[in-house]
Structure formats: C-alpha cells, structure tokens
Amino acid sequence: SKSFKLYLNSFNQSQFESMEVVSTIIKRDVGGLLQAPVVIDL
C-alpha cells in the first residue's frame, strides 16, 4: 500500500492529456505488475 501511495503521488508534476490517459497508465502499470486484469475507474 505505501508503494501504491508513492506511485500515485509521482503523477503530481507530470503532464497527461486527460483522465482517460491516466486511467490507462495506472491499469497498465498495476495490471502488469500483478500479471492480472485489474480494473481502474477514475
């Protein structure tokens, strides 16, 4: 959980086009880490 918090906070000063892009990135990173179909809703 702490690593998840630090990961989410790392978005703070980075630029992204939209909420949909951010959602896709989190799904890719967490899903890839766990090798599982995670669902991300923002």
Full PDB file with SEQRES, HELIX, SHEET, SSBOND, CRYST1, ORIGX, SCALE, CONECT and MASTER records, all heavy atoms in Angstrom:
SEQRES   1 A   42  SER LYS SER PHE LYS LEU TYR LEU ASN SER PHE ASN GLN          
SEQRES   2 A   42  SER GLN PHE GLU SER MET GLU VAL VAL SER THR ILE ILE          
SEQRES   3 A   42  LYS ARG ASP VAL GLY GLY LEU LEU GLN ALA PRO VAL VAL          
SEQRES   4 A   42  ILE ASP LEU                                                  
HELIX    1 AA1 LYS A    2  ASN A    9  1                                   8    
HELIX    2 AA2 MET A   19  LEU A   34  1                                  16    
CRYST1    1.000    1.000    1.000  90.00  90.00  90.00 P 1           1          
ORIGX1      1.000000  0.000000  0.000000        0.00000                         
ORIGX2      0.000000  1.000000  0.000000        0.00000                         
ORIGX3      0.000000  0.000000  1.000000        0.00000                         
SCALE1      1.000000  0.000000  0.000000        0.00000                         
SCALE2      0.000000  1.000000  0.000000        0.00000                         
SCALE3      0.000000  0.000000  1.000000        0.00000                         
ATOM      1  N   SER A   1       0.801  -1.226   0.000  1.00  0.00           N  
ATOM      2  CA  SER A   1       0.000   0.000   0.000  1.00  0.00           C  
ATOM      3  C   SER A   1       0.835   1.278   0.000  1.00  0.00           C  
ATOM      4  O   SER A   1       0.483   2.253  -0.673  1.00  0.00           O  
ATOM      5  CB  SER A   1      -0.967   0.004   1.190  1.00  0.00           C  
ATOM      6  OG  SER A   1      -0.263  -0.066   2.408  1.00  0.00           O  
ATOM      7  N   LYS A   2       1.934   1.312   0.748  1.00  0.00           N  
ATOM      8  CA  LYS A   2       2.750   2.525   0.741  1.00  0.00           C  
ATOM      9  C   LYS A   2       3.351   2.758  -0.634  1.00  0.00           C  
ATOM     10  O   LYS A   2       3.411   3.894  -1.117  1.00  0.00           O  
ATOM     11  CB  LYS A   2       3.854   2.445   1.790  1.00  0.00           C  
ATOM     12  CG  LYS A   2       4.699   3.721   1.840  1.00  0.00           C  
ATOM     13  CD  LYS A   2       5.776   3.652   2.894  1.00  0.00           C  
ATOM     14  CE  LYS A   2       6.624   4.924   2.884  1.00  0.00           C  
ATOM     15  NZ  LYS A   2       7.707   4.869   3.909  1.00  0.00           N  
ATOM     16  N   SER A   3       3.785   1.697  -1.298  1.00  0.00           N  
ATOM     17  CA  SER A   3       4.346   1.851  -2.635  1.00  0.00           C  
ATOM     18  C   SER A   3       3.290   2.348  -3.615  1.00  0.00           C  
ATOM     19  O   SER A   3       3.595   3.119  -4.532  1.00  0.00           O  
ATOM     20  CB  SER A   3       4.946   0.530  -3.127  1.00  0.00           C  
ATOM     21  OG  SER A   3       3.967  -0.377  -3.587  1.00  0.00           O  
ATOM     22  N   PHE A   4       2.034   1.922  -3.415  1.00  0.00           N  
ATOM     23  CA  PHE A   4       0.944   2.392  -4.270  1.00  0.00           C  
ATOM     24  C   PHE A   4       0.739   3.892  -4.063  1.00  0.00           C  
ATOM     25  O   PHE A   4       0.543   4.655  -5.010  1.00  0.00           O  
ATOM     26  CB  PHE A   4      -0.336   1.617  -3.939  1.00  0.00           C  
ATOM     27  CG  PHE A   4      -1.341   1.562  -5.064  1.00  0.00           C  
ATOM     28  CD1 PHE A   4      -2.492   0.788  -4.925  1.00  0.00           C  
ATOM     29  CD2 PHE A   4      -1.167   2.253  -6.243  1.00  0.00           C  
ATOM     30  CE1 PHE A   4      -3.438   0.717  -5.946  1.00  0.00           C  
ATOM     31  CE2 PHE A   4      -2.098   2.199  -7.283  1.00  0.00           C  
ATOM     32  CZ  PHE A   4      -3.230   1.428  -7.120  1.00  0.00           C  
ATOM     33  N   LYS A   5       0.779   4.324  -2.801  1.00  0.00           N  
ATOM     34  CA  LYS A   5       0.647   5.744  -2.492  1.00  0.00           C  
ATOM     35  C   LYS A   5       1.756   6.551  -3.161  1.00  0.00           C  
ATOM     36  O   LYS A   5       1.504   7.587  -3.794  1.00  0.00           O  
ATOM     37  CB  LYS A   5       0.690   5.952  -0.983  1.00  0.00           C  
ATOM     38  CG  LYS A   5       0.809   7.410  -0.562  1.00  0.00           C  
ATOM     39  CD  LYS A   5       1.166   7.538   0.912  1.00  0.00           C  
ATOM     40  CE  LYS A   5       1.417   9.002   1.263  1.00  0.00           C  
ATOM     41  NZ  LYS A   5       1.808   9.172   2.692  1.00  0.00           N  
ATOM     42  N   LEU A   6       3.005   6.094  -3.017  1.00  0.00           N  
ATOM     43  CA  LEU A   6       4.126   6.818  -3.610  1.00  0.00           C  
ATOM     44  C   LEU A   6       4.031   6.857  -5.128  1.00  0.00           C  
ATOM     45  O   LEU A   6       4.352   7.878  -5.761  1.00  0.00           O  
ATOM     46  CB  LEU A   6       5.449   6.166  -3.181  1.00  0.00           C  
ATOM     47  CG  LEU A   6       5.764   6.214  -1.682  1.00  0.00           C  
ATOM     48  CD1 LEU A   6       7.045   5.433  -1.391  1.00  0.00           C  
ATOM     49  CD2 LEU A   6       5.897   7.654  -1.213  1.00  0.00           C  
ATOM     50  N   TYR A   7       3.588   5.754  -5.708  1.00  0.00           N  
ATOM     51  CA  TYR A   7       3.395   5.694  -7.164  1.00  0.00           C  
ATOM     52  C   TYR A   7       2.350   6.705  -7.614  1.00  0.00           C  
ATOM     53  O   TYR A   7       2.576   7.473  -8.571  1.00  0.00           O  
ATOM     54  CB  TYR A   7       2.984   4.282  -7.551  1.00  0.00           C  
ATOM     55  CG  TYR A   7       2.351   4.145  -8.917  1.00  0.00           C  
ATOM     56  CD1 TYR A   7       3.106   4.236 -10.082  1.00  0.00           C  
ATOM     57  CD2 TYR A   7       0.968   3.923  -9.045  1.00  0.00           C  
ATOM     58  CE1 TYR A   7       2.523   4.109 -11.337  1.00  0.00           C  
ATOM     59  CE2 TYR A   7       0.380   3.792 -10.287  1.00  0.00           C  
ATOM     60  CZ  TYR A   7       1.156   3.888 -11.430  1.00  0.00           C  
ATOM     61  OH  TYR A   7       0.557   3.758 -12.664  1.00  0.00           O  
ATOM     62  N   LEU A   8       1.200   6.741  -6.954  1.00  0.00           N  
ATOM     63  CA  LEU A   8       0.148   7.687  -7.340  1.00  0.00           C  
ATOM     64  C   LEU A   8       0.610   9.132  -7.160  1.00  0.00           C  
ATOM     65  O   LEU A   8       0.304  10.003  -7.975  1.00  0.00           O  
ATOM     66  CB  LEU A   8      -1.118   7.425  -6.526  1.00  0.00           C  
ATOM     67  CG  LEU A   8      -1.830   6.096  -6.811  1.00  0.00           C  
ATOM     68  CD1 LEU A   8      -3.008   5.907  -5.863  1.00  0.00           C  
ATOM     69  CD2 LEU A   8      -2.302   6.010  -8.262  1.00  0.00           C  
ATOM     70  N   ASN A   9       1.373   9.394  -6.101  1.00  0.00           N  
ATOM     71  CA  ASN A   9       1.873  10.750  -5.888  1.00  0.00           C  
ATOM     72  C   ASN A   9       2.905  11.162  -6.928  1.00  0.00           C  
ATOM     73  O   ASN A   9       3.130  12.359  -7.144  1.00  0.00           O  
ATOM     74  CB  ASN A   9       2.480  10.872  -4.484  1.00  0.00           C  
ATOM     75  CG  ASN A   9       1.440  11.149  -3.422  1.00  0.00           C  
ATOM     76  OD1 ASN A   9       0.516  11.931  -3.633  1.00  0.00           O  
ATOM     77  ND2 ASN A   9       1.578  10.515  -2.273  1.00  0.00           N  
ATOM     78  N   SER A  10       3.519  10.184  -7.590  1.00  0.00           N  
ATOM     79  CA  SER A  10       4.526  10.524  -8.605  1.00  0.00           C  
ATOM     80  C   SER A  10       3.892  11.141  -9.846  1.00  0.00           C  
ATOM     81  O   SER A  10       4.600  11.695 -10.686  1.00  0.00           O  
ATOM     82  CB  SER A  10       5.343   9.279  -8.983  1.00  0.00           C  
ATOM     83  OG  SER A  10       4.643   8.419  -9.875  1.00  0.00           O  
ATOM     84  N   PHE A  11       2.573  11.071  -9.969  1.00  0.00           N  
ATOM     85  CA  PHE A  11       1.886  11.713 -11.092  1.00  0.00           C  
ATOM     86  C   PHE A  11       1.824  13.241 -10.925  1.00  0.00           C  
ATOM     87  O   PHE A  11       1.534  13.957 -11.880  1.00  0.00           O  
ATOM     88  CB  PHE A  11       0.454  11.176 -11.221  1.00  0.00           C  
ATOM     89  CG  PHE A  11       0.358   9.812 -11.842  1.00  0.00           C  
ATOM     90  CD1 PHE A  11       0.693   8.670 -11.135  1.00  0.00           C  
ATOM     91  CD2 PHE A  11      -0.091   9.653 -13.154  1.00  0.00           C  
ATOM     92  CE1 PHE A  11       0.602   7.410 -11.698  1.00  0.00           C  
ATOM     93  CE2 PHE A  11      -0.186   8.396 -13.732  1.00  0.00           C  
ATOM     94  CZ  PHE A  11       0.167   7.272 -13.000  1.00  0.00           C  
ATOM     95  N   ASN A  12       2.059  13.731  -9.720  1.00  0.00           N  
ATOM     96  CA  ASN A  12       1.728  15.113  -9.372  1.00  0.00           C  
ATOM     97  C   ASN A  12       2.304  16.167 -10.311  1.00  0.00           C  
ATOM     98  O   ASN A  12       1.634  17.141 -10.649  1.00  0.00           O  
ATOM     99  CB  ASN A  12       2.188  15.422  -7.944  1.00  0.00           C  
ATOM    100  CG  ASN A  12       1.360  14.706  -6.903  1.00  0.00           C  
ATOM    101  OD1 ASN A  12       0.308  14.146  -7.207  1.00  0.00           O  
ATOM    102  ND2 ASN A  12       1.835  14.717  -5.660  1.00  0.00           N  
ATOM    103  N   GLN A  13       3.549  16.001 -10.709  1.00  0.00           N  
ATOM    104  CA  GLN A  13       4.203  17.035 -11.512  1.00  0.00           C  
ATOM    105  C   GLN A  13       4.449  16.588 -12.956  1.00  0.00           C  
ATOM    106  O   GLN A  13       5.275  17.169 -13.655  1.00  0.00           O  
ATOM    107  CB  GLN A  13       5.519  17.462 -10.868  1.00  0.00           C  
ATOM    108  CG  GLN A  13       5.364  18.268  -9.584  1.00  0.00           C  
ATOM    109  CD  GLN A  13       4.575  19.548  -9.808  1.00  0.00           C  
ATOM    110  OE1 GLN A  13       3.509  19.730  -9.234  1.00  0.00           O  
ATOM    111  NE2 GLN A  13       5.086  20.425 -10.657  1.00  0.00           N  
ATOM    112  N   SER A  14       3.715  15.580 -13.389  1.00  0.00           N  
ATOM    113  CA  SER A  14       3.821  15.126 -14.779  1.00  0.00           C  
ATOM    114  C   SER A  14       2.574  15.520 -15.552  1.00  0.00           C  
ATOM    115  O   SER A  14       1.467  15.577 -14.984  1.00  0.00           O  
ATOM    116  CB  SER A  14       4.005  13.604 -14.831  1.00  0.00           C  
ATOM    117  OG  SER A  14       5.245  13.233 -14.273  1.00  0.00           O  
ATOM    118  N   GLN A  15       2.740  15.773 -16.839  1.00  0.00           N  
ATOM    119  CA  GLN A  15       1.628  16.218 -17.677  1.00  0.00           C  
ATOM    120  C   GLN A  15       1.010  15.036 -18.437  1.00  0.00           C  
ATOM    121  O   GLN A  15       1.727  14.195 -18.985  1.00  0.00           O  
ATOM    122  CB  GLN A  15       2.093  17.278 -18.675  1.00  0.00           C  
ATOM    123  CG  GLN A  15       2.504  18.587 -18.024  1.00  0.00           C  
ATOM    124  CD  GLN A  15       2.799  19.677 -19.052  1.00  0.00           C  
ATOM    125  OE1 GLN A  15       2.762  19.448 -20.260  1.00  0.00           O  
ATOM    126  NE2 GLN A  15       3.080  20.877 -18.566  1.00  0.00           N  
ATOM    127  N   PHE A  16      -0.325  15.008 -18.450  1.00  0.00           N  
ATOM    128  CA  PHE A  16      -1.069  13.996 -19.192  1.00  0.00           C  
ATOM    129  C   PHE A  16      -2.244  14.665 -19.883  1.00  0.00           C  
ATOM    130  O   PHE A  16      -2.803  15.644 -19.382  1.00  0.00           O  
ATOM    131  CB  PHE A  16      -1.555  12.881 -18.244  1.00  0.00           C  
ATOM    132  CG  PHE A  16      -0.448  12.170 -17.530  1.00  0.00           C  
ATOM    133  CD1 PHE A  16      -0.083  12.546 -16.243  1.00  0.00           C  
ATOM    134  CD2 PHE A  16       0.259  11.146 -18.148  1.00  0.00           C  
ATOM    135  CE1 PHE A  16       0.941  11.904 -15.575  1.00  0.00           C  
ATOM    136  CE2 PHE A  16       1.293  10.493 -17.489  1.00  0.00           C  
ATOM    137  CZ  PHE A  16       1.643  10.880 -16.203  1.00  0.00           C  
ATOM    138  N   GLU A  17      -2.613  14.104 -21.012  1.00  0.00           N  
ATOM    139  CA  GLU A  17      -3.632  14.727 -21.847  1.00  0.00           C  
ATOM    140  C   GLU A  17      -5.017  14.708 -21.209  1.00  0.00           C  
ATOM    141  O   GLU A  17      -5.797  15.638 -21.379  1.00  0.00           O  
ATOM    142  CB  GLU A  17      -3.698  14.016 -23.204  1.00  0.00           C  
ATOM    143  CG  GLU A  17      -2.504  14.272 -24.108  1.00  0.00           C  
ATOM    144  CD  GLU A  17      -2.498  15.688 -24.667  1.00  0.00           C  
ATOM    145  OE1 GLU A  17      -3.578  16.315 -24.694  1.00  0.00           O  
ATOM    146  OE2 GLU A  17      -1.423  16.153 -25.059  1.00  0.00           O  
ATOM    147  N   SER A  18      -5.342  13.638 -20.479  1.00  0.00           N  
ATOM    148  CA  SER A  18      -6.718  13.502 -19.999  1.00  0.00           C  
ATOM    149  C   SER A  18      -6.789  12.495 -18.861  1.00  0.00           C  
ATOM    150  O   SER A  18      -5.837  11.745 -18.595  1.00  0.00           O  
ATOM    151  CB  SER A  18      -7.627  13.029 -21.140  1.00  0.00           C  
ATOM    152  OG  SER A  18      -7.258  11.717 -21.552  1.00  0.00           O  
ATOM    153  N   MET A  19      -7.951  12.451 -18.222  1.00  0.00           N  
ATOM    154  CA  MET A  19      -8.206  11.464 -17.180  1.00  0.00           C  
ATOM    155  C   MET A  19      -8.158  10.055 -17.747  1.00  0.00           C  
ATOM    156  O   MET A  19      -7.693   9.114 -17.099  1.00  0.00           O  
ATOM    157  CB  MET A  19      -9.576  11.735 -16.532  1.00  0.00           C  
ATOM    158  CG  MET A  19      -9.906  10.810 -15.378  1.00  0.00           C  
ATOM    159  SD  MET A  19     -11.554  11.149 -14.665  1.00  0.00           S  
ATOM    160  CE  MET A  19     -11.270  12.779 -13.957  1.00  0.00           C  
ATOM    161  N   GLU A  20      -8.632   9.895 -18.977  1.00  0.00           N  
ATOM    162  CA  GLU A  20      -8.630   8.582 -19.619  1.00  0.00           C  
ATOM    163  C   GLU A  20      -7.211   8.068 -19.813  1.00  0.00           C  
ATOM    164  O   GLU A  20      -6.944   6.870 -19.646  1.00  0.00           O  
ATOM    165  CB  GLU A  20      -9.367   8.648 -20.958  1.00  0.00           C  
ATOM    166  CG  GLU A  20     -10.874   8.853 -20.853  1.00  0.00           C  
ATOM    167  CD  GLU A  20     -11.258  10.250 -20.415  1.00  0.00           C  
ATOM    168  OE1 GLU A  20     -10.472  11.192 -20.648  1.00  0.00           O  
ATOM    169  OE2 GLU A  20     -12.353  10.395 -19.806  1.00  0.00           O  
ATOM    170  N   VAL A  21      -6.296   8.953 -20.158  1.00  0.00           N  
ATOM    171  CA  VAL A  21      -4.898   8.552 -20.333  1.00  0.00           C  
ATOM    172  C   VAL A  21      -4.311   8.096 -19.009  1.00  0.00           C  
ATOM    173  O   VAL A  21      -3.619   7.065 -18.926  1.00  0.00           O  
ATOM    174  CB  VAL A  21      -4.074   9.721 -20.917  1.00  0.00           C  
ATOM    175  CG1 VAL A  21      -2.582   9.404 -20.857  1.00  0.00           C  
ATOM    176  CG2 VAL A  21      -4.500  10.002 -22.350  1.00  0.00           C  
ATOM    177  N   VAL A  22      -4.589   8.833 -17.943  1.00  0.00           N  
ATOM    178  CA  VAL A  22      -4.081   8.466 -16.620  1.00  0.00           C  
ATOM    179  C   VAL A  22      -4.641   7.109 -16.202  1.00  0.00           C  
ATOM    180  O   VAL A  22      -3.918   6.248 -15.689  1.00  0.00           O  
ATOM    181  CB  VAL A  22      -4.435   9.546 -15.585  1.00  0.00           C  
ATOM    182  CG1 VAL A  22      -4.066   9.083 -14.172  1.00  0.00           C  
ATOM    183  CG2 VAL A  22      -3.724  10.848 -15.914  1.00  0.00           C  
ATOM    184  N   SER A  23      -5.929   6.890 -16.420  1.00  0.00           N  
ATOM    185  CA  SER A  23      -6.555   5.615 -16.085  1.00  0.00           C  
ATOM    186  C   SER A  23      -5.890   4.462 -16.822  1.00  0.00           C  
ATOM    187  O   SER A  23      -5.608   3.401 -16.236  1.00  0.00           O  
ATOM    188  CB  SER A  23      -8.048   5.656 -16.422  1.00  0.00           C  
ATOM    189  OG  SER A  23      -8.662   4.421 -16.171  1.00  0.00           O  
ATOM    190  N   THR A  24      -5.624   4.646 -18.090  1.00  0.00           N  
ATOM    191  CA  THR A  24      -4.974   3.607 -18.903  1.00  0.00           C  
ATOM    192  C   THR A  24      -3.575   3.296 -18.394  1.00  0.00           C  
ATOM    193  O   THR A  24      -3.155   2.129 -18.345  1.00  0.00           O  
ATOM    194  CB  THR A  24      -4.914   4.058 -20.375  1.00  0.00           C  
ATOM    195  OG1 THR A  24      -6.248   4.249 -20.870  1.00  0.00           O  
ATOM    196  CG2 THR A  24      -4.209   3.025 -21.234  1.00  0.00           C  
ATOM    197  N   ILE A  25      -2.847   4.326 -17.981  1.00  0.00           N  
ATOM    198  CA  ILE A  25      -1.485   4.133 -17.489  1.00  0.00           C  
ATOM    199  C   ILE A  25      -1.493   3.344 -16.174  1.00  0.00           C  
ATOM    200  O   ILE A  25      -0.715   2.403 -15.988  1.00  0.00           O  
ATOM    201  CB  ILE A  25      -0.782   5.494 -17.299  1.00  0.00           C  
ATOM    202  CG1 ILE A  25      -0.513   6.135 -18.659  1.00  0.00           C  
ATOM    203  CG2 ILE A  25       0.519   5.328 -16.516  1.00  0.00           C  
ATOM    204  CD1 ILE A  25      -0.007   7.553 -18.586  1.00  0.00           C  
ATOM    205  N   ILE A  26      -2.381   3.720 -15.254  1.00  0.00           N  
ATOM    206  CA  ILE A  26      -2.448   3.010 -13.963  1.00  0.00           C  
ATOM    207  C   ILE A  26      -2.838   1.551 -14.190  1.00  0.00           C  
ATOM    208  O   ILE A  26      -2.255   0.630 -13.588  1.00  0.00           O  
ATOM    209  CB  ILE A  26      -3.439   3.701 -13.014  1.00  0.00           C  
ATOM    210  CG1 ILE A  26      -2.988   5.123 -12.703  1.00  0.00           C  
ATOM    211  CG2 ILE A  26      -3.583   2.894 -11.719  1.00  0.00           C  
ATOM    212  CD1 ILE A  26      -3.981   5.933 -11.897  1.00  0.00           C  
ATOM    213  N   LYS A  27      -3.808   1.324 -15.066  1.00  0.00           N  
ATOM    214  CA  LYS A  27      -4.227  -0.050 -15.366  1.00  0.00           C  
ATOM    215  C   LYS A  27      -3.069  -0.850 -15.947  1.00  0.00           C  
ATOM    216  O   LYS A  27      -2.857  -2.017 -15.569  1.00  0.00           O  
ATOM    217  CB  LYS A  27      -5.402  -0.028 -16.346  1.00  0.00           C  
ATOM    218  CG  LYS A  27      -5.903  -1.413 -16.732  1.00  0.00           C  
ATOM    219  CD  LYS A  27      -7.103  -1.318 -17.663  1.00  0.00           C  
ATOM    220  CE  LYS A  27      -7.604  -2.714 -18.047  1.00  0.00           C  
ATOM    221  NZ  LYS A  27      -8.788  -2.640 -18.934  1.00  0.00           N  
ATOM    222  N   ARG A  28      -2.311  -0.258 -16.836  1.00  0.00           N  
ATOM    223  CA  ARG A  28      -1.166  -0.944 -17.442  1.00  0.00           C  
ATOM    224  C   ARG A  28      -0.101  -1.269 -16.403  1.00  0.00           C  
ATOM    225  O   ARG A  28       0.412  -2.397 -16.339  1.00  0.00           O  
ATOM    226  CB  ARG A  28      -0.562  -0.052 -18.528  1.00  0.00           C  
ATOM    227  CG  ARG A  28       0.663  -0.638 -19.229  1.00  0.00           C  
ATOM    228  CD  ARG A  28       1.416   0.444 -19.962  1.00  0.00           C  
ATOM    229  NE  ARG A  28       2.020   1.407 -19.031  1.00  0.00           N  
ATOM    230  CZ  ARG A  28       2.420   2.627 -19.400  1.00  0.00           C  
ATOM    231  NH1 ARG A  28       2.274   3.033 -20.649  1.00  0.00           N  
ATOM    232  NH2 ARG A  28       2.969   3.443 -18.496  1.00  0.00           N  
ATOM    233  N   ASP A  29       0.209  -0.292 -15.541  1.00  0.00           N  
ATOM    234  CA  ASP A  29       1.293  -0.476 -14.574  1.00  0.00           C  
ATOM    235  C   ASP A  29       0.922  -1.487 -13.486  1.00  0.00           C  
ATOM    236  O   ASP A  29       1.707  -2.401 -13.179  1.00  0.00           O  
ATOM    237  CB  ASP A  29       1.651   0.866 -13.927  1.00  0.00           C  
ATOM    238  CG  ASP A  29       2.295   1.835 -14.903  1.00  0.00           C  
ATOM    239  OD1 ASP A  29       2.745   1.388 -15.979  1.00  0.00           O  
ATOM    240  OD2 ASP A  29       2.340   3.038 -14.589  1.00  0.00           O  
ATOM    241  N   VAL A  30      -0.264  -1.325 -12.895  1.00  0.00           N  
ATOM    242  CA  VAL A  30      -0.665  -2.222 -11.813  1.00  0.00           C  
ATOM    243  C   VAL A  30      -0.976  -3.614 -12.364  1.00  0.00           C  
ATOM    244  O   VAL A  30      -0.583  -4.634 -11.788  1.00  0.00           O  
ATOM    245  CB  VAL A  30      -1.863  -1.645 -11.038  1.00  0.00           C  
ATOM    246  CG1 VAL A  30      -2.315  -2.611  -9.943  1.00  0.00           C  
ATOM    247  CG2 VAL A  30      -1.506  -0.300 -10.425  1.00  0.00           C  
ATOM    248  N   GLY A  31      -1.687  -3.660 -13.482  1.00  0.00           N  
ATOM    249  CA  GLY A  31      -2.004  -4.939 -14.093  1.00  0.00           C  
ATOM    250  C   GLY A  31      -0.760  -5.686 -14.535  1.00  0.00           C  
ATOM    251  O   GLY A  31      -0.656  -6.907 -14.376  1.00  0.00           O  
ATOM    252  N   GLY A  32       0.209  -4.964 -15.080  1.00  0.00           N  
ATOM    253  CA  GLY A  32       1.454  -5.588 -15.494  1.00  0.00           C  
ATOM    254  C   GLY A  32       2.254  -6.100 -14.314  1.00  0.00           C  
ATOM    255  O   GLY A  32       2.857  -7.172 -14.360  1.00  0.00           O  
ATOM    256  N   LEU A  33       2.257  -5.326 -13.239  1.00  0.00           N  
ATOM    257  CA  LEU A  33       2.977  -5.721 -12.033  1.00  0.00           C  
ATOM    258  C   LEU A  33       2.418  -7.017 -11.449  1.00  0.00           C  
ATOM    259  O   LEU A  33       3.162  -7.919 -11.055  1.00  0.00           O  
ATOM    260  CB  LEU A  33       2.877  -4.611 -10.995  1.00  0.00           C  
ATOM    261  CG  LEU A  33       3.602  -4.828  -9.671  1.00  0.00           C  
ATOM    262  CD1 LEU A  33       5.098  -4.618  -9.831  1.00  0.00           C  
ATOM    263  CD2 LEU A  33       3.042  -3.891  -8.594  1.00  0.00           C  
ATOM    264  N   LEU A  34       1.071  -7.112 -11.418  1.00  0.00           N  
ATOM    265  CA  LEU A  34       0.412  -8.273 -10.812  1.00  0.00           C  
ATOM    266  C   LEU A  34       0.121  -9.374 -11.815  1.00  0.00           C  
ATOM    267  O   LEU A  34      -0.323 -10.456 -11.423  1.00  0.00           O  
ATOM    268  CB  LEU A  34      -0.898  -7.831 -10.148  1.00  0.00           C  
ATOM    269  CG  LEU A  34      -0.769  -6.821  -9.006  1.00  0.00           C  
ATOM    270  CD1 LEU A  34      -2.155  -6.427  -8.504  1.00  0.00           C  
ATOM    271  CD2 LEU A  34       0.076  -7.379  -7.870  1.00  0.00           C  
ATOM    272  N   GLN A  35       0.352  -9.082 -13.105  1.00  0.00           N  
ATOM    273  CA  GLN A  35       0.021 -10.039 -14.171  1.00  0.00           C  
ATOM    274  C   GLN A  35      -1.441 -10.460 -14.066  1.00  0.00           C  
ATOM    275  O   GLN A  35      -1.769 -11.657 -14.047  1.00  0.00           O  
ATOM    276  CB  GLN A  35       0.946 -11.250 -14.093  1.00  0.00           C  
ATOM    277  CG  GLN A  35       2.410 -10.948 -14.383  1.00  0.00           C  
ATOM    278  CD  GLN A  35       2.618 -10.462 -15.822  1.00  0.00           C  
ATOM    279  OE1 GLN A  35       2.402 -11.201 -16.778  1.00  0.00           O  
ATOM    280  NE2 GLN A  35       3.034  -9.210 -15.976  1.00  0.00           N  
ATOM    281  N   ALA A  36      -2.320  -9.446 -13.985  1.00  0.00           N  
ATOM    282  CA  ALA A  36      -3.746  -9.712 -13.776  1.00  0.00           C  
ATOM    283  C   ALA A  36      -4.575  -8.611 -14.421  1.00  0.00           C  
ATOM    284  O   ALA A  36      -4.109  -7.480 -14.600  1.00  0.00           O  
ATOM    285  CB  ALA A  36      -4.058  -9.789 -12.287  1.00  0.00           C  
ATOM    286  N   PRO A  37      -5.833  -8.928 -14.759  1.00  0.00           N  
ATOM    287  CA  PRO A  37      -6.731  -7.931 -15.356  1.00  0.00           C  
ATOM    288  C   PRO A  37      -7.353  -7.026 -14.297  1.00  0.00           C  
ATOM    289  O   PRO A  37      -8.479  -7.247 -13.844  1.00  0.00           O  
ATOM    290  CB  PRO A  37      -7.798  -8.793 -16.036  1.00  0.00           C  
ATOM    291  CG  PRO A  37      -7.865 -10.026 -15.189  1.00  0.00           C  
ATOM    292  CD  PRO A  37      -6.460 -10.270 -14.691  1.00  0.00           C  
ATOM    293  N   VAL A  38      -6.629  -6.015 -13.861  1.00  0.00           N  
ATOM    294  CA  VAL A  38      -7.176  -5.086 -12.877  1.00  0.00           C  
ATOM    295  C   VAL A  38      -8.116  -4.100 -13.575  1.00  0.00           C  
ATOM    296  O   VAL A  38      -8.025  -3.873 -14.784  1.00  0.00           O  
ATOM    297  CB  VAL A  38      -6.057  -4.319 -12.144  1.00  0.00           C  
ATOM    298  CG1 VAL A  38      -5.089  -5.282 -11.484  1.00  0.00           C  
ATOM    299  CG2 VAL A  38      -5.327  -3.381 -13.089  1.00  0.00           C  
ATOM    300  N   VAL A  39      -9.031  -3.528 -12.797  1.00  0.00           N  
ATOM    301  CA  VAL A  39      -9.973  -2.542 -13.320  1.00  0.00           C  
ATOM    302  C   VAL A  39      -9.699  -1.213 -12.620  1.00  0.00           C  
ATOM    303  O   VAL A  39      -9.653  -1.153 -11.393  1.00  0.00           O  
ATOM    304  CB  VAL A  39     -11.429  -2.972 -13.083  1.00  0.00           C  
ATOM    305  CG1 VAL A  39     -12.392  -1.889 -13.586  1.00  0.00           C  
ATOM    306  CG2 VAL A  39     -11.713  -4.304 -13.772  1.00  0.00           C  
ATOM    307  N   ILE A  40      -9.504  -0.168 -13.407  1.00  0.00           N  
ATOM    308  CA  ILE A  40      -9.267   1.170 -12.863  1.00  0.00           C  
ATOM    309  C   ILE A  40     -10.405   2.087 -13.286  1.00  0.00           C  
ATOM    310  O   ILE A  40     -10.688   2.229 -14.481  1.00  0.00           O  
ATOM    311  CB  ILE A  40      -7.929   1.758 -13.348  1.00  0.00           C  
ATOM    312  CG1 ILE A  40      -6.760   0.852 -12.971  1.00  0.00           C  
ATOM    313  CG2 ILE A  40      -7.737   3.175 -12.792  1.00  0.00           C  
ATOM    314  CD1 ILE A  40      -6.531   0.702 -11.494  1.00  0.00           C  
ATOM    315  N   ASP A  41     -11.058   2.695 -12.304  1.00  0.00           N  
ATOM    316  CA  ASP A  41     -12.107   3.682 -12.564  1.00  0.00           C  
ATOM    317  C   ASP A  41     -11.698   4.986 -11.889  1.00  0.00           C  
ATOM    318  O   ASP A  41     -11.363   4.995 -10.699  1.00  0.00           O  
ATOM    319  CB  ASP A  41     -13.456   3.226 -11.998  1.00  0.00           C  
ATOM    320  CG  ASP A  41     -13.942   1.921 -12.622  1.00  0.00           C  
ATOM    321  OD1 ASP A  41     -14.159   1.923 -13.845  1.00  0.00           O  
ATOM    322  OD2 ASP A  41     -14.098   0.938 -11.885  1.00  0.00           O  
ATOM    323  N   LEU A  42     -11.713   6.072 -12.647  1.00  0.00           N  
ATOM    324  CA  LEU A  42     -11.419   7.386 -12.090  1.00  0.00           C  
ATOM    325  C   LEU A  42     -12.690   8.231 -12.094  1.00  0.00           C  
ATOM    326  O   LEU A  42     -13.501   8.153 -13.017  1.00  0.00           O  
ATOM    327  CB  LEU A  42     -10.322   8.092 -12.893  1.00  0.00           C  
ATOM    328  CG  LEU A  42      -8.947   7.408 -12.942  1.00  0.00           C  
ATOM    329  CD1 LEU A  42      -7.927   8.316 -13.621  1.00  0.00           C  
ATOM    330  CD2 LEU A  42      -8.472   7.022 -11.550  1.00  0.00           C  
TER     331      LEU A  42                                                      
MASTER        0    0    0    2    0    0    0    6  330    1    0    4          
END                                                                             
